[in-house]
Each structure stands twice: as C-alpha cells, then as structure tokens.
Amino acid sequence: TMLGIEVEPIEEPWQPASDRMTGAVYLAGSWRGAVLLECGTRQACDFAGRLMPIPTPQQVNDDVRDTLGELANMVGGNLK
C-alpha cells in the first residue's frame, strides 16, 4: 500500500541472478528465522523512489539499501 503497487504471486521458480538485492530482518524468540525480501536492482531503486521523497535513484546507493531493509522490516512486522 505504501508503495502504491499491487502484489501478486508468480508461478516461475526462483533463479539466482547477479543483479538481485536482498533485504533481511532476523527474528528471535519462541520462533526463530528470517524474512528475506529479494528483488532486482532496478526494482529496488524504484521502491526507494516510491518510499522516500527523492527522485528514483538510477543506481544502488545507501537510500536503496535502507529502503530494502525497511521493506523487509515492514513485512516481518506484519507477519509477527
């Protein structure tokens, strides 16, 4: 909702790629694990431009990394 995009499942199997980024938040307590949010670098830049009041970055920078971490944290918080 915060990014103004629709989310939908895909049937394609996951394939590793060199242009992907992963945001992670680790959970500890009675349930231990991690929430991983993975996307392509262009998608991560687009997320940063949507989440922050900045022009969409054209390459990965600290704002893009922070955005991916924050999105993983939001997803983890909702699952918790």
PDB file of N, CA and C in Angstrom:
ATOM      1  N   THR A   1       0.822  -1.189   0.000  1.00  0.00           N
ATOM      2  CA  THR A   1       0.000   0.000   0.000  1.00  0.00           C
ATOM      3  C   THR A   1       0.871   1.260   0.000  1.00  0.00           C
ATOM      4  N   MET A   2       1.909   1.264   0.815  1.00  0.00           N
ATOM      5  CA  MET A   2       2.768   2.450   0.899  1.00  0.00           C
ATOM      6  C   MET A   2       3.482   2.742  -0.418  1.00  0.00           C
ATOM      7  N   LEU A   3       3.723   1.703  -1.215  1.00  0.00           N
ATOM      8  CA  LEU A   3       4.434   1.891  -2.477  1.00  0.00           C
ATOM      9  C   LEU A   3       3.500   2.140  -3.645  1.00  0.00           C
ATOM     10  N   GLY A   4       2.202   1.953  -3.424  1.00  0.00           N
ATOM     11  CA  GLY A   4       1.235   2.176  -4.480  1.00  0.00           C
ATOM     12  C   GLY A   4       1.304   1.154  -5.600  1.00  0.00           C
ATOM     13  N   ILE A   5       1.611  -0.097  -5.258  1.00  0.00           N
ATOM     14  CA  ILE A   5       1.697  -1.152  -6.265  1.00  0.00           C
ATOM     15  C   ILE A   5       0.896  -2.366  -5.816  1.00  0.00           C
ATOM     16  N   GLU A   6       0.511  -3.174  -6.766  1.00  0.00           N
ATOM     17  CA  GLU A   6      -0.188  -4.427  -6.487  1.00  0.00           C
ATOM     18  C   GLU A   6       0.836  -5.558  -6.391  1.00  0.00           C
ATOM     19  N   VAL A   7       0.589  -6.493  -5.514  1.00  0.00           N
ATOM     20  CA  VAL A   7       1.452  -7.660  -5.352  1.00  0.00           C
ATOM     21  C   VAL A   7       0.668  -8.883  -5.788  1.00  0.00           C
ATOM     22  N   GLU A   8       1.313  -9.739  -6.543  1.00  0.00           N
ATOM     23  CA  GLU A   8       0.649 -10.961  -6.979  1.00  0.00           C
ATOM     24  C   GLU A   8       1.666 -12.078  -7.091  1.00  0.00           C
ATOM     25  N   PRO A   9       1.250 -13.298  -6.824  1.00  0.00           N
ATOM     26  CA  PRO A   9       2.184 -14.439  -6.910  1.00  0.00           C
ATOM     27  C   PRO A   9       2.523 -14.753  -8.369  1.00  0.00           C
ATOM     28  N   ILE A  10       3.659 -15.375  -8.559  1.00  0.00           N
ATOM     29  CA  ILE A  10       4.045 -15.852  -9.878  1.00  0.00           C
ATOM     30  C   ILE A  10       4.351 -17.341  -9.779  1.00  0.00           C
ATOM     31  N   GLU A  11       4.260 -18.030 -10.877  1.00  0.00           N
ATOM     32  CA  GLU A  11       4.486 -19.470 -10.902  1.00  0.00           C
ATOM     33  C   GLU A  11       5.917 -19.847 -11.275  1.00  0.00           C
ATOM     34  N   GLU A  12       6.715 -18.878 -11.671  1.00  0.00           N
ATOM     35  CA  GLU A  12       8.078 -19.166 -12.098  1.00  0.00           C
ATOM     36  C   GLU A  12       8.934 -19.586 -10.913  1.00  0.00           C
ATOM     37  N   PRO A  13       9.781 -20.601 -11.082  1.00  0.00           N
ATOM     38  CA  PRO A  13      10.692 -20.969  -9.992  1.00  0.00           C
ATOM     39  C   PRO A  13      11.753 -19.886  -9.783  1.00  0.00           C
ATOM     40  N   TRP A  14      12.198 -19.760  -8.556  1.00  0.00           N
ATOM     41  CA  TRP A  14      13.221 -18.776  -8.226  1.00  0.00           C
ATOM     42  C   TRP A  14      14.525 -19.162  -8.902  1.00  0.00           C
ATOM     43  N   GLN A  15      15.214 -18.171  -9.444  1.00  0.00           N
ATOM     44  CA  GLN A  15      16.512 -18.379 -10.075  1.00  0.00           C
ATOM     45  C   GLN A  15      17.477 -17.322  -9.542  1.00  0.00           C
ATOM     46  N   PRO A  16      18.650 -17.725  -9.082  1.00  0.00           N
ATOM     47  CA  PRO A  16      19.611 -16.712  -8.628  1.00  0.00           C
ATOM     48  C   PRO A  16      20.080 -15.863  -9.806  1.00  0.00           C
ATOM     49  N   ALA A  17      20.378 -14.616  -9.516  1.00  0.00           N
ATOM     50  CA  ALA A  17      20.869 -13.708 -10.549  1.00  0.00           C
ATOM     51  C   ALA A  17      21.835 -12.718  -9.910  1.00  0.00           C
ATOM     52  N   SER A  18      22.735 -12.205 -10.694  1.00  0.00           N
ATOM     53  CA  SER A  18      23.752 -11.294 -10.163  1.00  0.00           C
ATOM     54  C   SER A  18      23.213  -9.888  -9.903  1.00  0.00           C
ATOM     55  N   ASP A  19      22.065  -9.543 -10.496  1.00  0.00           N
ATOM     56  CA  ASP A  19      21.542  -8.183 -10.328  1.00  0.00           C
ATOM     57  C   ASP A  19      20.442  -8.118  -9.272  1.00  0.00           C
ATOM     58  N   ARG A  20      20.464  -9.008  -8.310  1.00  0.00           N
ATOM     59  CA  ARG A  20      19.437  -9.019  -7.263  1.00  0.00           C
ATOM     60  C   ARG A  20      19.996  -8.497  -5.952  1.00  0.00           C
ATOM     61  N   MET A  21      19.087  -7.956  -5.162  1.00  0.00           N
ATOM     62  CA  MET A  21      19.421  -7.486  -3.819  1.00  0.00           C
ATOM     63  C   MET A  21      18.490  -8.182  -2.839  1.00  0.00           C
ATOM     64  N   THR A  22      18.955  -8.357  -1.616  1.00  0.00           N
ATOM     65  CA  THR A  22      18.141  -8.987  -0.585  1.00  0.00           C
ATOM     66  C   THR A  22      18.147  -8.128   0.668  1.00  0.00           C
ATOM     67  N   GLY A  23      16.948  -7.799   1.159  1.00  0.00           N
ATOM     68  CA  GLY A  23      16.785  -7.151   2.448  1.00  0.00           C
ATOM     69  C   GLY A  23      16.402  -8.234   3.439  1.00  0.00           C
ATOM     70  N   ALA A  24      16.921  -8.167   4.650  1.00  0.00           N
ATOM     71  CA  ALA A  24      16.662  -9.225   5.632  1.00  0.00           C
ATOM     72  C   ALA A  24      16.386  -8.641   7.004  1.00  0.00           C
ATOM     73  N   VAL A  25      15.481  -9.294   7.704  1.00  0.00           N
ATOM     74  CA  VAL A  25      15.258  -8.999   9.116  1.00  0.00           C
ATOM     75  C   VAL A  25      15.198 -10.357   9.817  1.00  0.00           C
ATOM     76  N   TYR A  26      15.926 -10.463  10.910  1.00  0.00           N
ATOM     77  CA  TYR A  26      16.023 -11.736  11.629  1.00  0.00           C
ATOM     78  C   TYR A  26      15.141 -11.686  12.869  1.00  0.00           C
ATOM     79  N   LEU A  27      14.459 -12.783  13.122  1.00  0.00           N
ATOM     80  CA  LEU A  27      13.536 -12.892  14.244  1.00  0.00           C
ATOM     81  C   LEU A  27      14.093 -13.884  15.251  1.00  0.00           C
ATOM     82  N   ALA A  28      13.968 -13.564  16.527  1.00  0.00           N
ATOM     83  CA  ALA A  28      14.428 -14.443  17.595  1.00  0.00           C
ATOM     84  C   ALA A  28      13.370 -14.462  18.683  1.00  0.00           C
ATOM     85  N   GLY A  29      13.324 -15.539  19.414  1.00  0.00           N
ATOM     86  CA  GLY A  29      12.322 -15.700  20.459  1.00  0.00           C
ATOM     87  C   GLY A  29      11.769 -17.104  20.381  1.00  0.00           C
ATOM     88  N   SER A  30      10.458 -17.251  20.640  1.00  0.00           N
ATOM     89  CA  SER A  30       9.859 -18.587  20.567  1.00  0.00           C
ATOM     90  C   SER A  30       9.884 -19.123  19.135  1.00  0.00           C
ATOM     91  N   TRP A  31       9.907 -18.220  18.162  1.00  0.00           N
ATOM     92  CA  TRP A  31      10.073 -18.607  16.760  1.00  0.00           C
ATOM     93  C   TRP A  31      11.292 -17.882  16.239  1.00  0.00           C
ATOM     94  N   ARG A  32      12.218 -18.620  15.634  1.00  0.00           N
ATOM     95  CA  ARG A  32      13.427 -18.010  15.106  1.00  0.00           C
ATOM     96  C   ARG A  32      13.483 -18.228  13.602  1.00  0.00           C
ATOM     97  N   GLY A  33      13.897 -17.198  12.899  1.00  0.00           N
ATOM     98  CA  GLY A  33      14.001 -17.302  11.454  1.00  0.00           C
ATOM     99  C   GLY A  33      14.338 -15.955  10.866  1.00  0.00           C
ATOM    100  N   ALA A  34      14.086 -15.822   9.587  1.00  0.00           N
ATOM    101  CA  ALA A  34      14.397 -14.578   8.890  1.00  0.00           C
ATOM    102  C   ALA A  34      13.346 -14.315   7.821  1.00  0.00           C
ATOM    103  N   VAL A  35      13.095 -13.051   7.596  1.00  0.00           N
ATOM    104  CA  VAL A  35      12.266 -12.619   6.472  1.00  0.00           C
ATOM    105  C   VAL A  35      13.231 -12.044   5.443  1.00  0.00           C
ATOM    106  N   LEU A  36      13.205 -12.608   4.246  1.00  0.00           N
ATOM    107  CA  LEU A  36      14.075 -12.145   3.169  1.00  0.00           C
ATOM    108  C   LEU A  36      13.220 -11.543   2.067  1.00  0.00           C
ATOM    109  N   LEU A  37      13.563 -10.362   1.648  1.00  0.00           N
ATOM    110  CA  LEU A  37      12.873  -9.695   0.550  1.00  0.00           C
ATOM    111  C   LEU A  37      13.892  -9.511  -0.562  1.00  0.00           C
ATOM    112  N   GLU A  38      13.665 -10.184  -1.677  1.00  0.00           N
ATOM    113  CA  GLU A  38      14.618 -10.145  -2.781  1.00  0.00           C
ATOM    114  C   GLU A  38      13.971  -9.536  -4.008  1.00  0.00           C
ATOM    115  N   CYS A  39      14.734  -8.711  -4.701  1.00  0.00           N
ATOM    116  CA  CYS A  39      14.255  -8.125  -5.954  1.00  0.00           C
ATOM    117  C   CYS A  39      15.452  -7.712  -6.791  1.00  0.00           C
ATOM    118  N   GLY A  40      15.187  -7.367  -8.031  1.00  0.00           N
ATOM    119  CA  GLY A  40      16.234  -6.868  -8.909  1.00  0.00           C
ATOM    120  C   GLY A  40      16.666  -5.475  -8.495  1.00  0.00           C
ATOM    121  N   THR A  41      17.845  -5.071  -8.926  1.00  0.00           N
ATOM    122  CA  THR A  41      18.354  -3.755  -8.535  1.00  0.00           C
ATOM    123  C   THR A  41      17.489  -2.619  -9.082  1.00  0.00           C
ATOM    124  N   ARG A  42      16.956  -2.765 -10.291  1.00  0.00           N
ATOM    125  CA  ARG A  42      16.069  -1.713 -10.835  1.00  0.00           C
ATOM    126  C   ARG A  42      14.810  -1.588  -9.995  1.00  0.00           C
ATOM    127  N   GLN A  43      14.259  -2.737  -9.555  1.00  0.00           N
ATOM    128  CA  GLN A  43      13.063  -2.710  -8.723  1.00  0.00           C
ATOM    129  C   GLN A  43      13.366  -2.070  -7.372  1.00  0.00           C
ATOM    130  N   ALA A  44      14.520  -2.377  -6.800  1.00  0.00           N
ATOM    131  CA  ALA A  44      14.911  -1.781  -5.522  1.00  0.00           C
ATOM    132  C   ALA A  44      15.034  -0.258  -5.648  1.00  0.00           C
ATOM    133  N   CYS A  45      15.601   0.205  -6.746  1.00  0.00           N
ATOM    134  CA  CYS A  45      15.696   1.658  -6.979  1.00  0.00           C
ATOM    135  C   CYS A  45      14.304   2.272  -7.096  1.00  0.00           C
ATOM    136  N   ASP A  46      13.402   1.588  -7.792  1.00  0.00           N
ATOM    137  CA  ASP A  46      12.028   2.076  -7.920  1.00  0.00           C
ATOM    138  C   ASP A  46      11.345   2.138  -6.557  1.00  0.00           C
ATOM    139  N   PHE A  47      11.541   1.112  -5.727  1.00  0.00           N
ATOM    140  CA  PHE A  47      10.972   1.118  -4.377  1.00  0.00           C
ATOM    141  C   PHE A  47      11.464   2.329  -3.591  1.00  0.00           C
ATOM    142  N   ALA A  48      12.756   2.645  -3.699  1.00  0.00           N
ATOM    143  CA  ALA A  48      13.315   3.794  -2.968  1.00  0.00           C
ATOM    144  C   ALA A  48      12.657   5.090  -3.411  1.00  0.00           C
ATOM    145  N   GLY A  49      12.458   5.245  -4.713  1.00  0.00           N
ATOM    146  CA  GLY A  49      11.811   6.453  -5.214  1.00  0.00           C
ATOM    147  C   GLY A  49      10.361   6.572  -4.781  1.00  0.00           C
ATOM    148  N   ARG A  50       9.708   5.423  -4.583  1.00  0.00           N
ATOM    149  CA  ARG A  50       8.309   5.432  -4.148  1.00  0.00           C
ATOM    150  C   ARG A  50       8.184   5.656  -2.642  1.00  0.00           C
ATOM    151  N   LEU A  51       9.116   5.095  -1.863  1.00  0.00           N
ATOM    152  CA  LEU A  51       9.016   5.158  -0.407  1.00  0.00           C
ATOM    153  C   LEU A  51       9.554   6.470   0.167  1.00  0.00           C
ATOM    154  N   MET A  52      10.593   6.999  -0.454  1.00  0.00           N
ATOM    155  CA  MET A  52      11.237   8.208   0.061  1.00  0.00           C
ATOM    156  C   MET A  52      10.886   9.410  -0.822  1.00  0.00           C
ATOM    157  N   PRO A  53      10.950  10.595  -0.251  1.00  0.00           N
ATOM    158  CA  PRO A  53      10.678  11.794  -1.057  1.00  0.00           C
ATOM    159  C   PRO A  53      11.914  12.211  -1.858  1.00  0.00           C
ATOM    160  N   ILE A  54      12.386  11.304  -2.720  1.00  0.00           N
ATOM    161  CA  ILE A  54      13.573  11.552  -3.536  1.00  0.00           C
ATOM    162  C   ILE A  54      13.271  11.116  -4.969  1.00  0.00           C
ATOM    163  N   PRO A  55      14.012  11.646  -5.931  1.00  0.00           N
ATOM    164  CA  PRO A  55      13.886  11.110  -7.289  1.00  0.00           C
ATOM    165  C   PRO A  55      14.348   9.646  -7.290  1.00  0.00           C
ATOM    166  N   THR A  56      13.786   8.844  -8.160  1.00  0.00           N
ATOM    167  CA  THR A  56      14.171   7.434  -8.232  1.00  0.00           C
ATOM    168  C   THR A  56      15.665   7.326  -8.544  1.00  0.00           C
ATOM    169  N   PRO A  57      16.438   6.671  -7.662  1.00  0.00           N
ATOM    170  CA  PRO A  57      17.865   6.504  -7.926  1.00  0.00           C
ATOM    171  C   PRO A  57      18.094   5.692  -9.201  1.00  0.00           C
ATOM    172  N   GLN A  58      19.156   6.001  -9.907  1.00  0.00           N
ATOM    173  CA  GLN A  58      19.493   5.280 -11.135  1.00  0.00           C
ATOM    174  C   GLN A  58      20.476   4.144 -10.875  1.00  0.00           C
ATOM    175  N   GLN A  59      21.030   4.105  -9.677  1.00  0.00           N
ATOM    176  CA  GLN A  59      21.921   3.017  -9.291  1.00  0.00           C
ATOM    177  C   GLN A  59      21.791   2.792  -7.793  1.00  0.00           C
ATOM    178  N   VAL A  60      22.269   1.655  -7.340  1.00  0.00           N
ATOM    179  CA  VAL A  60      22.154   1.303  -5.925  1.00  0.00           C
ATOM    180  C   VAL A  60      23.018   2.248  -5.093  1.00  0.00           C
ATOM    181  N   ASN A  61      22.406   2.799  -4.049  1.00  0.00           N
ATOM    182  CA  ASN A  61      23.109   3.652  -3.100  1.00  0.00           C
ATOM    183  C   ASN A  61      22.559   3.352  -1.707  1.00  0.00           C
ATOM    184  N   ASP A  62      22.964   4.125  -0.717  1.00  0.00           N
ATOM    185  CA  ASP A  62      22.519   3.876   0.653  1.00  0.00           C
ATOM    186  C   ASP A  62      20.998   4.000   0.800  1.00  0.00           C
ATOM    187  N   ASP A  63      20.378   4.930   0.075  1.00  0.00           N
ATOM    188  CA  ASP A  63      18.923   5.067   0.145  1.00  0.00           C
ATOM    189  C   ASP A  63      18.227   3.789  -0.344  1.00  0.00           C
ATOM    190  N   VAL A  64      18.750   3.191  -1.390  1.00  0.00           N
ATOM    191  CA  VAL A  64      18.167   1.957  -1.930  1.00  0.00           C
ATOM    192  C   VAL A  64      18.346   0.819  -0.926  1.00  0.00           C
ATOM    193  N   ARG A  65      19.527   0.710  -0.354  1.00  0.00           N
ATOM    194  CA  ARG A  65      19.778  -0.334   0.655  1.00  0.00           C
ATOM    195  C   ARG A  65      18.880  -0.143   1.871  1.00  0.00           C
ATOM    196  N   ASP A  66      18.765   1.093   2.344  1.00  0.00           N
ATOM    197  CA  ASP A  66      17.901   1.386   3.501  1.00  0.00           C
ATOM    198  C   ASP A  66      16.446   1.034   3.199  1.00  0.00           C
ATOM    199  N   THR A  67      15.998   1.343   1.992  1.00  0.00           N
ATOM    200  CA  THR A  67      14.620   1.056   1.606  1.00  0.00           C
ATOM    201  C   THR A  67      14.348  -0.436   1.629  1.00  0.00           C
ATOM    202  N   LEU A  68      15.239  -1.223   1.064  1.00  0.00           N
ATOM    203  CA  LEU A  68      15.019  -2.669   1.038  1.00  0.00           C
ATOM    204  C   LEU A  68      14.998  -3.247   2.450  1.00  0.00           C
ATOM    205  N   GLY A  69      15.874  -2.760   3.311  1.00  0.00           N
ATOM    206  CA  GLY A  69      15.859  -3.201   4.707  1.00  0.00           C
ATOM    207  C   GLY A  69      14.579  -2.806   5.416  1.00  0.00           C
ATOM    208  N   GLU A  70      14.111  -1.599   5.170  1.00  0.00           N
ATOM    209  CA  GLU A  70      12.870  -1.130   5.794  1.00  0.00           C
ATOM    210  C   GLU A  70      11.666  -1.928   5.302  1.00  0.00           C
ATOM    211  N   LEU A  71      11.624  -2.241   4.024  1.00  0.00           N
ATOM    212  CA  LEU A  71      10.518  -3.046   3.493  1.00  0.00           C
ATOM    213  C   LEU A  71      10.522  -4.452   4.097  1.00  0.00           C
ATOM    214  N   ALA A  72      11.694  -5.047   4.237  1.00  0.00           N
ATOM    215  CA  ALA A  72      11.781  -6.365   4.886  1.00  0.00           C
ATOM    216  C   ALA A  72      11.300  -6.269   6.329  1.00  0.00           C
ATOM    217  N   ASN A  73      11.632  -5.175   6.997  1.00  0.00           N
ATOM    218  CA  ASN A  73      11.194  -4.962   8.379  1.00  0.00           C
ATOM    219  C   ASN A  73       9.680  -4.814   8.464  1.00  0.00           C
ATOM    220  N   MET A  74       9.082  -4.111   7.503  1.00  0.00           N
ATOM    221  CA  MET A  74       7.620  -3.948   7.478  1.00  0.00           C
ATOM    222  C   MET A  74       6.931  -5.298   7.276  1.00  0.00           C
ATOM    223  N   VAL A  75       7.444  -6.082   6.330  1.00  0.00           N
ATOM    224  CA  VAL A  75       6.850  -7.399   6.074  1.00  0.00           C
ATOM    225  C   VAL A  75       6.994  -8.280   7.321  1.00  0.00           C
ATOM    226  N   GLY A  76       8.180  -8.279   7.925  1.00  0.00           N
ATOM    227  CA  GLY A  76       8.401  -9.067   9.140  1.00  0.00           C
ATOM    228  C   GLY A  76       7.501  -8.627  10.273  1.00  0.00           C
ATOM    229  N   GLY A  77       7.308  -7.325  10.427  1.00  0.00           N
ATOM    230  CA  GLY A  77       6.429  -6.818  11.477  1.00  0.00           C
ATOM    231  C   GLY A  77       4.993  -7.244  11.272  1.00  0.00           C
ATOM    232  N   ASN A  78       4.552  -7.272  10.021  1.00  0.00           N
ATOM    233  CA  ASN A  78       3.187  -7.713   9.732  1.00  0.00           C
ATOM    234  C   ASN A  78       3.023  -9.213   9.977  1.00  0.00           C
ATOM    235  N   LEU A  79       4.060  -9.996   9.709  1.00  0.00           N
ATOM    236  CA  LEU A  79       3.976 -11.435   9.959  1.00  0.00           C
ATOM    237  C   LEU A  79       3.984 -11.738  11.449  1.00  0.00           C
ATOM    238  N   LYS A  80       4.719 -10.917  12.194  1.00  0.00           N
ATOM    239  CA  LYS A  80       4.821 -11.118  13.646  1.00  0.00           C
ATOM    240  C   LYS A  80       3.487 -10.936  14.290  1.00  0.00           C
TER     241      LYS A  80
END
